[in-house]
Amino acid sequence: MNFFAKHRFVFWTLIVLIVITVSALVSFFLFSKQNQANVVCCPKGEKSGCDFTSELRLTPDQTGKVTQINDEYRKLAEPIVAAIREKREIILSELDGDKPDTVFLNQVVKTLSLLQMEIQQKNINQYLQLKKVCTPEQAHRLSALYRDLYGCPMQGNPMQYRHRQGMNKRDSACQN
């Protein structure tokens, strides 16, 4: 008897699985290329101010001011962010040891807290400067962007959280 006649069910099951796999791969490559084409990128020389420009629909004059504010913020924040990373690395290295020194860890945590407070103050200052540049509608959208950035979504439809099993405690605390 022929091999295919004996194992007809297995043969057709394999054929169906191969067709499904090939179609899934083709779909993956087609849809991933479409999504990449839809991404709006900033010109190469432009910084991340492009995000604000598109989200807030800024005028060219506003865009220049936003770029200047963001550049100044970046210049002030980068050393602080680097120091925060360094302190976190120190904490992780100390915790990795056999007998972590809790007194030393507490000192590093205090320093880290001060650095985080400093970066938060820079964030607040940047926000206030950006808000001065914006119209009232743009300022409202800027506020929504900052809420999303900090993980505190704007109040609104509770159904928007359905994929996260409802609004969690952090979100409800942010809205109070």
N, C-alpha and C. Protein backbone atom coordinates (compact mmCIF):
# COMPACT_ATOMS: atom_id res chain seq x y z
N MET A 1 0.83 -1.19 0.00
CA MET A 1 0.00 0.00 0.00
C MET A 1 0.87 1.25 0.00
N ASN A 2 0.33 2.26 -0.56
CA ASN A 2 0.99 3.53 -0.68
C ASN A 2 1.08 4.21 0.70
N PHE A 3 2.20 4.91 0.95
CA PHE A 3 2.41 5.61 2.23
C PHE A 3 1.30 6.63 2.47
N PHE A 4 0.92 7.40 1.43
CA PHE A 4 -0.09 8.45 1.57
C PHE A 4 -1.47 7.85 1.83
N ALA A 5 -1.74 6.71 1.30
CA ALA A 5 -3.02 6.08 1.53
C ALA A 5 -3.14 5.61 2.98
N LYS A 6 -2.06 5.12 3.54
CA LYS A 6 -2.08 4.66 4.93
C LYS A 6 -2.26 5.83 5.91
N HIS A 7 -1.62 6.93 5.61
CA HIS A 7 -1.57 8.06 6.56
C HIS A 7 -2.27 9.29 5.97
N ARG A 8 -3.40 9.09 5.38
CA ARG A 8 -4.13 10.17 4.72
C ARG A 8 -4.48 11.29 5.70
N PHE A 9 -5.00 10.98 6.89
CA PHE A 9 -5.39 11.99 7.87
C PHE A 9 -4.19 12.82 8.32
N VAL A 10 -3.09 12.18 8.63
CA VAL A 10 -1.88 12.88 9.05
C VAL A 10 -1.37 13.76 7.91
N PHE A 11 -1.39 13.26 6.71
CA PHE A 11 -0.92 14.01 5.55
C PHE A 11 -1.72 15.29 5.37
N TRP A 12 -3.05 15.21 5.40
CA TRP A 12 -3.89 16.39 5.20
C TRP A 12 -3.78 17.35 6.39
N THR A 13 -3.61 16.83 7.58
CA THR A 13 -3.42 17.69 8.75
C THR A 13 -2.13 18.50 8.61
N LEU A 14 -1.08 17.85 8.16
CA LEU A 14 0.18 18.57 7.94
C LEU A 14 0.03 19.62 6.85
N ILE A 15 -0.66 19.31 5.79
CA ILE A 15 -0.87 20.28 4.71
C ILE A 15 -1.63 21.50 5.23
N VAL A 16 -2.69 21.27 6.00
CA VAL A 16 -3.47 22.38 6.56
C VAL A 16 -2.60 23.22 7.50
N LEU A 17 -1.80 22.60 8.34
CA LEU A 17 -0.93 23.33 9.26
C LEU A 17 0.12 24.15 8.51
N ILE A 18 0.65 23.61 7.44
CA ILE A 18 1.63 24.34 6.62
C ILE A 18 0.98 25.56 6.00
N VAL A 19 -0.24 25.40 5.46
CA VAL A 19 -0.95 26.53 4.85
C VAL A 19 -1.22 27.61 5.89
N ILE A 20 -1.65 27.21 7.08
CA ILE A 20 -1.93 28.19 8.15
C ILE A 20 -0.65 28.92 8.54
N THR A 21 0.44 28.21 8.69
CA THR A 21 1.71 28.82 9.07
C THR A 21 2.20 29.81 8.01
N VAL A 22 2.13 29.42 6.76
CA VAL A 22 2.58 30.30 5.67
C VAL A 22 1.69 31.55 5.61
N SER A 23 0.38 31.37 5.76
CA SER A 23 -0.51 32.54 5.71
C SER A 23 -0.26 33.45 6.91
N ALA A 24 0.03 32.89 8.06
CA ALA A 24 0.34 33.72 9.23
C ALA A 24 1.62 34.51 9.03
N LEU A 25 2.64 33.88 8.46
CA LEU A 25 3.89 34.59 8.19
C LEU A 25 3.70 35.70 7.17
N VAL A 26 2.96 35.42 6.11
CA VAL A 26 2.70 36.44 5.09
C VAL A 26 1.93 37.61 5.71
N SER A 27 0.92 37.31 6.50
CA SER A 27 0.14 38.36 7.17
C SER A 27 1.01 39.18 8.10
N PHE A 28 1.85 38.53 8.85
CA PHE A 28 2.74 39.24 9.77
C PHE A 28 3.61 40.24 9.02
N PHE A 29 4.25 39.79 7.95
CA PHE A 29 5.14 40.68 7.21
C PHE A 29 4.38 41.79 6.50
N LEU A 30 3.20 41.51 5.99
CA LEU A 30 2.42 42.55 5.32
C LEU A 30 1.96 43.61 6.31
N PHE A 31 1.41 43.20 7.44
CA PHE A 31 0.89 44.16 8.40
C PHE A 31 1.99 44.89 9.14
N SER A 32 3.12 44.27 9.39
CA SER A 32 4.20 44.98 10.07
C SER A 32 4.78 46.05 9.16
N LYS A 33 4.85 45.81 7.87
CA LYS A 33 5.35 46.83 6.94
C LYS A 33 4.37 47.98 6.82
N GLN A 34 3.05 47.71 6.85
CA GLN A 34 2.06 48.77 6.79
C GLN A 34 2.14 49.64 8.02
N ASN A 35 2.29 49.05 9.20
CA ASN A 35 2.39 49.82 10.43
C ASN A 35 3.63 50.69 10.44
N GLN A 36 4.74 50.19 9.92
CA GLN A 36 5.96 50.99 9.86
C GLN A 36 5.79 52.16 8.90
N ALA A 37 5.05 51.97 7.83
CA ALA A 37 4.83 53.04 6.86
C ALA A 37 3.95 54.13 7.44
N ASN A 38 3.05 53.81 8.39
CA ASN A 38 2.15 54.79 8.96
C ASN A 38 2.80 55.63 10.05
N VAL A 39 3.97 55.26 10.53
CA VAL A 39 4.64 56.01 11.58
C VAL A 39 5.18 57.31 10.98
N VAL A 40 4.83 58.42 11.63
CA VAL A 40 5.31 59.72 11.18
C VAL A 40 6.60 60.02 11.91
N CYS A 41 7.66 60.17 11.17
CA CYS A 41 8.97 60.42 11.77
C CYS A 41 9.35 61.87 11.62
N CYS A 42 10.13 62.32 12.55
CA CYS A 42 10.64 63.68 12.49
C CYS A 42 11.79 63.73 11.51
N PRO A 43 12.03 64.91 10.93
CA PRO A 43 13.23 65.04 10.12
C PRO A 43 14.46 64.75 10.97
N LYS A 44 15.53 64.29 10.32
CA LYS A 44 16.69 63.80 11.07
C LYS A 44 17.29 64.82 12.01
N GLY A 45 17.30 66.09 11.66
CA GLY A 45 17.92 67.09 12.50
C GLY A 45 17.06 67.51 13.67
N GLU A 46 15.79 67.13 13.67
CA GLU A 46 14.86 67.61 14.67
C GLU A 46 14.85 66.71 15.90
N LYS A 47 14.66 67.32 17.06
CA LYS A 47 14.64 66.56 18.32
C LYS A 47 13.23 66.06 18.59
N SER A 48 12.98 65.58 19.81
CA SER A 48 11.69 65.00 20.15
C SER A 48 10.58 66.04 20.27
N GLY A 49 10.85 67.31 20.05
CA GLY A 49 9.83 68.34 20.03
C GLY A 49 8.81 68.09 18.95
N CYS A 50 9.16 67.25 17.98
CA CYS A 50 8.24 66.89 16.92
C CYS A 50 6.99 66.24 17.49
N ASP A 51 7.14 65.49 18.58
CA ASP A 51 5.99 64.86 19.20
C ASP A 51 4.99 65.92 19.67
N PHE A 52 5.49 66.94 20.33
CA PHE A 52 4.62 68.02 20.77
C PHE A 52 4.02 68.74 19.58
N THR A 53 4.81 68.95 18.56
CA THR A 53 4.34 69.67 17.38
C THR A 53 3.13 68.97 16.76
N SER A 54 3.23 67.67 16.57
CA SER A 54 2.13 66.96 15.94
C SER A 54 0.95 66.79 16.89
N GLU A 55 1.21 66.49 18.15
CA GLU A 55 0.13 66.26 19.10
C GLU A 55 -0.64 67.54 19.43
N LEU A 56 0.08 68.63 19.55
CA LEU A 56 -0.55 69.89 19.94
C LEU A 56 -0.93 70.77 18.75
N ARG A 57 -0.51 70.36 17.56
CA ARG A 57 -0.76 71.14 16.33
C ARG A 57 -0.24 72.57 16.49
N LEU A 58 1.04 72.66 16.75
CA LEU A 58 1.69 73.94 17.00
C LEU A 58 1.96 74.68 15.70
N THR A 59 1.96 75.99 15.80
CA THR A 59 2.35 76.83 14.67
C THR A 59 3.88 76.80 14.56
N PRO A 60 4.43 77.24 13.43
CA PRO A 60 5.90 77.27 13.33
C PRO A 60 6.57 78.10 14.42
N ASP A 61 5.96 79.22 14.79
CA ASP A 61 6.52 80.06 15.86
C ASP A 61 6.51 79.31 17.19
N GLN A 62 5.39 78.65 17.48
CA GLN A 62 5.29 77.87 18.71
C GLN A 62 6.29 76.71 18.69
N THR A 63 6.46 76.09 17.53
CA THR A 63 7.38 74.97 17.41
C THR A 63 8.80 75.39 17.76
N GLY A 64 9.21 76.56 17.31
CA GLY A 64 10.55 77.06 17.65
C GLY A 64 10.71 77.25 19.14
N LYS A 65 9.69 77.81 19.78
CA LYS A 65 9.75 78.02 21.23
C LYS A 65 9.77 76.69 21.98
N VAL A 66 8.93 75.74 21.53
CA VAL A 66 8.89 74.42 22.17
C VAL A 66 10.24 73.72 22.04
N THR A 67 10.84 73.80 20.86
CA THR A 67 12.15 73.18 20.64
C THR A 67 13.18 73.80 21.57
N GLN A 68 13.14 75.10 21.73
CA GLN A 68 14.08 75.79 22.63
C GLN A 68 13.86 75.34 24.08
N ILE A 69 12.60 75.27 24.51
CA ILE A 69 12.29 74.84 25.88
C ILE A 69 12.75 73.40 26.11
N ASN A 70 12.47 72.52 25.13
CA ASN A 70 12.87 71.11 25.27
C ASN A 70 14.38 70.94 25.26
N ASP A 71 15.07 71.73 24.43
CA ASP A 71 16.53 71.65 24.40
C ASP A 71 17.13 72.09 25.74
N GLU A 72 16.57 73.15 26.30
CA GLU A 72 17.05 73.65 27.60
C GLU A 72 16.77 72.60 28.68
N TYR A 73 15.58 72.02 28.65
CA TYR A 73 15.23 70.98 29.62
C TYR A 73 16.19 69.79 29.49
N ARG A 74 16.43 69.38 28.26
CA ARG A 74 17.31 68.23 28.03
C ARG A 74 18.71 68.51 28.57
N LYS A 75 19.18 69.73 28.36
CA LYS A 75 20.52 70.10 28.83
C LYS A 75 20.59 70.05 30.36
N LEU A 76 19.52 70.46 31.02
CA LEU A 76 19.49 70.43 32.48
C LEU A 76 19.21 69.03 33.04
N ALA A 77 18.40 68.25 32.34
CA ALA A 77 17.94 66.96 32.87
C ALA A 77 18.92 65.82 32.63
N GLU A 78 19.65 65.85 31.53
CA GLU A 78 20.52 64.72 31.21
C GLU A 78 21.53 64.39 32.31
N PRO A 79 22.22 65.38 32.91
CA PRO A 79 23.14 65.02 33.99
C PRO A 79 22.43 64.43 35.21
N ILE A 80 21.23 64.90 35.49
CA ILE A 80 20.47 64.38 36.62
C ILE A 80 20.05 62.94 36.34
N VAL A 81 19.57 62.68 35.13
CA VAL A 81 19.15 61.33 34.74
C VAL A 81 20.35 60.38 34.81
N ALA A 82 21.50 60.85 34.36
CA ALA A 82 22.71 60.01 34.43
C ALA A 82 23.07 59.70 35.89
N ALA A 83 22.93 60.69 36.75
CA ALA A 83 23.22 60.47 38.17
C ALA A 83 22.21 59.50 38.79
N ILE A 84 20.95 59.58 38.39
CA ILE A 84 19.93 58.65 38.89
C ILE A 84 20.28 57.23 38.46
N ARG A 85 20.66 57.06 37.20
CA ARG A 85 21.05 55.74 36.72
C ARG A 85 22.24 55.20 37.51
N GLU A 86 23.20 56.08 37.78
CA GLU A 86 24.39 55.67 38.53
C GLU A 86 24.02 55.22 39.94
N LYS A 87 23.13 55.96 40.59
CA LYS A 87 22.71 55.59 41.95
C LYS A 87 21.95 54.27 41.94
N ARG A 88 21.11 54.06 40.93
CA ARG A 88 20.39 52.79 40.84
C ARG A 88 21.36 51.63 40.64
N GLU A 89 22.38 51.86 39.84
CA GLU A 89 23.39 50.82 39.61
C GLU A 89 24.14 50.52 40.91
N ILE A 90 24.44 51.55 41.67
CA ILE A 90 25.12 51.36 42.96
C ILE A 90 24.23 50.52 43.89
N ILE A 91 22.94 50.84 43.92
CA ILE A 91 22.02 50.09 44.77
C ILE A 91 21.98 48.62 44.34
N LEU A 92 21.84 48.39 43.04
CA LEU A 92 21.77 47.01 42.55
C LEU A 92 23.07 46.25 42.81
N SER A 93 24.20 46.92 42.66
CA SER A 93 25.48 46.27 42.93
C SER A 93 25.60 45.90 44.40
N GLU A 94 25.19 46.82 45.26
CA GLU A 94 25.27 46.56 46.70
C GLU A 94 24.31 45.43 47.10
N LEU A 95 23.13 45.42 46.53
CA LEU A 95 22.17 44.36 46.82
C LEU A 95 22.64 43.00 46.30
N ASP A 96 23.46 43.01 45.27
CA ASP A 96 23.96 41.78 44.67
C ASP A 96 25.02 41.12 45.56
N GLY A 97 25.61 41.88 46.45
CA GLY A 97 26.66 41.33 47.31
C GLY A 97 26.10 40.35 48.34
N ASP A 98 27.01 39.68 49.05
CA ASP A 98 26.62 38.68 50.04
C ASP A 98 25.93 39.33 51.25
N LYS A 99 26.50 40.45 51.72
CA LYS A 99 25.93 41.12 52.89
C LYS A 99 25.77 42.61 52.56
N PRO A 100 24.64 42.99 51.99
CA PRO A 100 24.44 44.40 51.65
C PRO A 100 24.45 45.29 52.90
N ASP A 101 25.11 46.42 52.77
CA ASP A 101 25.20 47.38 53.87
C ASP A 101 23.96 48.27 53.82
N THR A 102 23.03 48.05 54.75
CA THR A 102 21.77 48.79 54.72
C THR A 102 21.97 50.28 55.03
N VAL A 103 22.96 50.61 55.84
CA VAL A 103 23.22 52.03 56.13
C VAL A 103 23.68 52.73 54.85
N PHE A 104 24.58 52.11 54.13
CA PHE A 104 25.04 52.65 52.85
C PHE A 104 23.89 52.75 51.86
N LEU A 105 23.08 51.69 51.79
CA LEU A 105 21.93 51.69 50.88
C LEU A 105 20.97 52.83 51.21
N ASN A 106 20.73 53.07 52.49
CA ASN A 106 19.83 54.17 52.89
C ASN A 106 20.40 55.52 52.47
N GLN A 107 21.71 55.68 52.57
CA GLN A 107 22.34 56.94 52.14
C GLN A 107 22.18 57.14 50.63
N VAL A 108 22.39 56.06 49.89
CA VAL A 108 22.25 56.15 48.44
C VAL A 108 20.80 56.44 48.07
N VAL A 109 19.86 55.83 48.77
CA VAL A 109 18.44 56.06 48.51
C VAL A 109 18.07 57.52 48.79
N LYS A 110 18.62 58.09 49.85
CA LYS A 110 18.35 59.50 50.15
C LYS A 110 18.88 60.40 49.02
N THR A 111 20.07 60.10 48.55
CA THR A 111 20.64 60.87 47.44
C THR A 111 19.79 60.69 46.18
N LEU A 112 19.36 59.47 45.93
CA LEU A 112 18.51 59.19 44.78
C LEU A 112 17.20 59.96 44.88
N SER A 113 16.63 60.01 46.07
CA SER A 113 15.37 60.75 46.28
C SER A 113 15.54 62.22 45.97
N LEU A 114 16.67 62.79 46.39
CA LEU A 114 16.93 64.20 46.10
C LEU A 114 17.08 64.44 44.60
N LEU A 115 17.74 63.51 43.93
CA LEU A 115 17.89 63.63 42.47
C LEU A 115 16.54 63.52 41.77
N GLN A 116 15.70 62.61 42.25
CA GLN A 116 14.38 62.47 41.65
C GLN A 116 13.52 63.70 41.91
N MET A 117 13.67 64.30 43.07
CA MET A 117 12.95 65.53 43.36
C MET A 117 13.42 66.64 42.42
N GLU A 118 14.72 66.69 42.19
CA GLU A 118 15.28 67.71 41.31
C GLU A 118 14.77 67.54 39.87
N ILE A 119 14.73 66.30 39.38
CA ILE A 119 14.26 66.07 38.01
C ILE A 119 12.77 66.39 37.93
N GLN A 120 12.03 66.10 38.99
CA GLN A 120 10.60 66.43 39.01
C GLN A 120 10.39 67.93 38.94
N GLN A 121 11.22 68.69 39.65
CA GLN A 121 11.13 70.14 39.60
C GLN A 121 11.43 70.66 38.19
N LYS A 122 12.40 70.04 37.53
CA LYS A 122 12.71 70.42 36.14
C LYS A 122 11.53 70.10 35.23
N ASN A 123 10.87 68.96 35.47
CA ASN A 123 9.70 68.60 34.67
C ASN A 123 8.58 69.62 34.84
N ILE A 124 8.35 70.04 36.08
CA ILE A 124 7.31 71.03 36.36
C ILE A 124 7.63 72.35 35.68
N ASN A 125 8.87 72.76 35.76
CA ASN A 125 9.29 74.01 35.12
C ASN A 125 9.11 73.93 33.61
N GLN A 126 9.49 72.78 33.02
CA GLN A 126 9.32 72.60 31.58
C GLN A 126 7.84 72.69 31.21
N TYR A 127 6.99 72.02 31.97
CA TYR A 127 5.56 72.03 31.70
C TYR A 127 5.02 73.46 31.74
N LEU A 128 5.39 74.22 32.77
CA LEU A 128 4.89 75.60 32.90
C LEU A 128 5.36 76.46 31.73
N GLN A 129 6.59 76.27 31.29
CA GLN A 129 7.09 77.03 30.14
C GLN A 129 6.34 76.64 28.86
N LEU A 130 6.10 75.34 28.69
CA LEU A 130 5.37 74.88 27.50
C LEU A 130 3.94 75.40 27.51
N LYS A 131 3.34 75.43 28.69
CA LYS A 131 1.95 75.89 28.81
C LYS A 131 1.81 77.36 28.42
N LYS A 132 2.84 78.16 28.71
CA LYS A 132 2.82 79.58 28.33
C LYS A 132 2.79 79.75 26.82
N VAL A 133 3.40 78.83 26.09
CA VAL A 133 3.48 78.89 24.63
C VAL A 133 2.15 78.49 24.00
N CYS A 134 1.37 77.67 24.68
CA CYS A 134 0.18 77.05 24.10
C CYS A 134 -1.06 77.92 24.22
N THR A 135 -2.00 77.68 23.30
CA THR A 135 -3.35 78.23 23.42
C THR A 135 -4.08 77.42 24.49
N PRO A 136 -5.25 77.88 24.95
CA PRO A 136 -5.97 77.10 25.97
C PRO A 136 -6.29 75.66 25.53
N GLU A 137 -6.66 75.46 24.27
CA GLU A 137 -6.95 74.11 23.78
C GLU A 137 -5.68 73.25 23.77
N GLN A 138 -4.59 73.86 23.32
CA GLN A 138 -3.31 73.14 23.29
C GLN A 138 -2.84 72.83 24.71
N ALA A 139 -3.07 73.77 25.63
CA ALA A 139 -2.68 73.56 27.02
C ALA A 139 -3.45 72.38 27.63
N HIS A 140 -4.72 72.25 27.26
CA HIS A 140 -5.51 71.11 27.74
C HIS A 140 -4.94 69.81 27.19
N ARG A 141 -4.58 69.80 25.92
CA ARG A 141 -3.99 68.59 25.32
C ARG A 141 -2.62 68.30 25.94
N LEU A 142 -1.84 69.34 26.21
CA LEU A 142 -0.54 69.18 26.87
C LEU A 142 -0.73 68.53 28.24
N SER A 143 -1.75 68.98 28.97
CA SER A 143 -2.05 68.40 30.27
C SER A 143 -2.38 66.92 30.13
N ALA A 144 -3.15 66.58 29.10
CA ALA A 144 -3.49 65.17 28.87
C ALA A 144 -2.24 64.36 28.54
N LEU A 145 -1.33 64.93 27.76
CA LEU A 145 -0.08 64.24 27.43
C LEU A 145 0.75 63.98 28.68
N TYR A 146 0.83 64.97 29.55
CA TYR A 146 1.60 64.81 30.78
C TYR A 146 0.93 63.79 31.70
N ARG A 147 -0.40 63.78 31.74
CA ARG A 147 -1.11 62.79 32.55
C ARG A 147 -0.80 61.39 32.04
N ASP A 148 -0.82 61.21 30.73
CA ASP A 148 -0.49 59.91 30.15
C ASP A 148 0.96 59.54 30.46
N LEU A 149 1.85 60.52 30.37
CA LEU A 149 3.26 60.29 30.63
C LEU A 149 3.49 59.83 32.06
N TYR A 150 2.77 60.43 33.00
CA TYR A 150 2.95 60.09 34.40
C TYR A 150 2.02 58.98 34.87
N GLY A 151 1.25 58.42 33.96
CA GLY A 151 0.40 57.28 34.31
C GLY A 151 -0.88 57.65 35.01
N CYS A 152 -1.35 58.86 34.84
CA CYS A 152 -2.60 59.31 35.44
C CYS A 152 -3.53 59.77 34.33
N PRO A 153 -4.28 58.85 33.73
CA PRO A 153 -5.14 59.22 32.61
C PRO A 153 -6.18 60.25 33.01
N MET A 154 -6.62 61.02 32.03
CA MET A 154 -7.64 62.04 32.27
C MET A 154 -8.93 61.36 32.71
N GLN A 155 -9.73 62.09 33.49
CA GLN A 155 -11.02 61.55 33.88
C GLN A 155 -11.88 61.43 32.64
N GLY A 156 -12.69 60.41 32.62
CA GLY A 156 -13.52 60.24 31.44
C GLY A 156 -14.23 58.92 31.51
N ASN A 157 -14.35 58.29 30.39
CA ASN A 157 -15.09 57.05 30.26
C ASN A 157 -14.35 55.92 30.98
N PRO A 158 -14.95 55.33 32.02
CA PRO A 158 -14.27 54.24 32.72
C PRO A 158 -14.09 53.01 31.84
N MET A 159 -14.84 52.90 30.76
CA MET A 159 -14.71 51.75 29.87
C MET A 159 -13.38 51.77 29.11
N GLN A 160 -12.71 52.93 29.09
CA GLN A 160 -11.43 52.98 28.40
C GLN A 160 -10.38 52.13 29.08
N TYR A 161 -10.66 51.69 30.31
CA TYR A 161 -9.72 50.88 31.07
C TYR A 161 -10.07 49.40 31.02
N ARG A 162 -11.01 49.00 30.18
CA ARG A 162 -11.53 47.64 30.19
C ARG A 162 -10.45 46.59 29.96
N HIS A 163 -9.39 46.93 29.24
CA HIS A 163 -8.35 45.95 28.98
C HIS A 163 -7.39 45.80 30.15
N ARG A 164 -7.52 46.68 31.13
CA ARG A 164 -6.68 46.59 32.33
C ARG A 164 -7.53 46.20 33.53
N GLN A 165 -8.63 45.52 33.30
CA GLN A 165 -9.55 45.06 34.34
C GLN A 165 -10.04 46.23 35.19
N GLY A 166 -10.45 47.29 34.52
CA GLY A 166 -10.99 48.45 35.23
C GLY A 166 -9.90 49.39 35.66
N MET A 167 -10.33 50.50 36.21
CA MET A 167 -9.38 51.51 36.65
C MET A 167 -8.74 51.04 37.94
N ASN A 168 -7.41 50.95 37.95
CA ASN A 168 -6.75 50.44 39.15
C ASN A 168 -6.61 51.54 40.20
N LYS A 169 -6.11 51.19 41.36
CA LYS A 169 -6.03 52.14 42.47
C LYS A 169 -5.13 53.32 42.15
N ARG A 170 -4.04 53.08 41.40
CA ARG A 170 -3.13 54.18 41.07
C ARG A 170 -3.86 55.22 40.25
N ASP A 171 -4.65 54.77 39.26
CA ASP A 171 -5.36 55.70 38.40
C ASP A 171 -6.41 56.48 39.18
N SER A 172 -7.14 55.81 40.07
CA SER A 172 -8.16 56.52 40.84
C SER A 172 -7.49 57.49 41.81
N ALA A 173 -6.32 57.15 42.32
CA ALA A 173 -5.61 58.06 43.22
C ALA A 173 -5.12 59.28 42.46
N CYS A 174 -4.76 59.11 41.20
CA CYS A 174 -4.28 60.24 40.40
C CYS A 174 -5.39 61.22 40.12
N GLN A 175 -6.62 60.74 40.05
CA GLN A 175 -7.72 61.61 39.68
C GLN A 175 -8.28 62.36 40.88
N ASN A 176 -7.90 62.01 42.06
CA ASN A 176 -8.43 62.68 43.24
C ASN A 176 -7.68 63.96 43.50
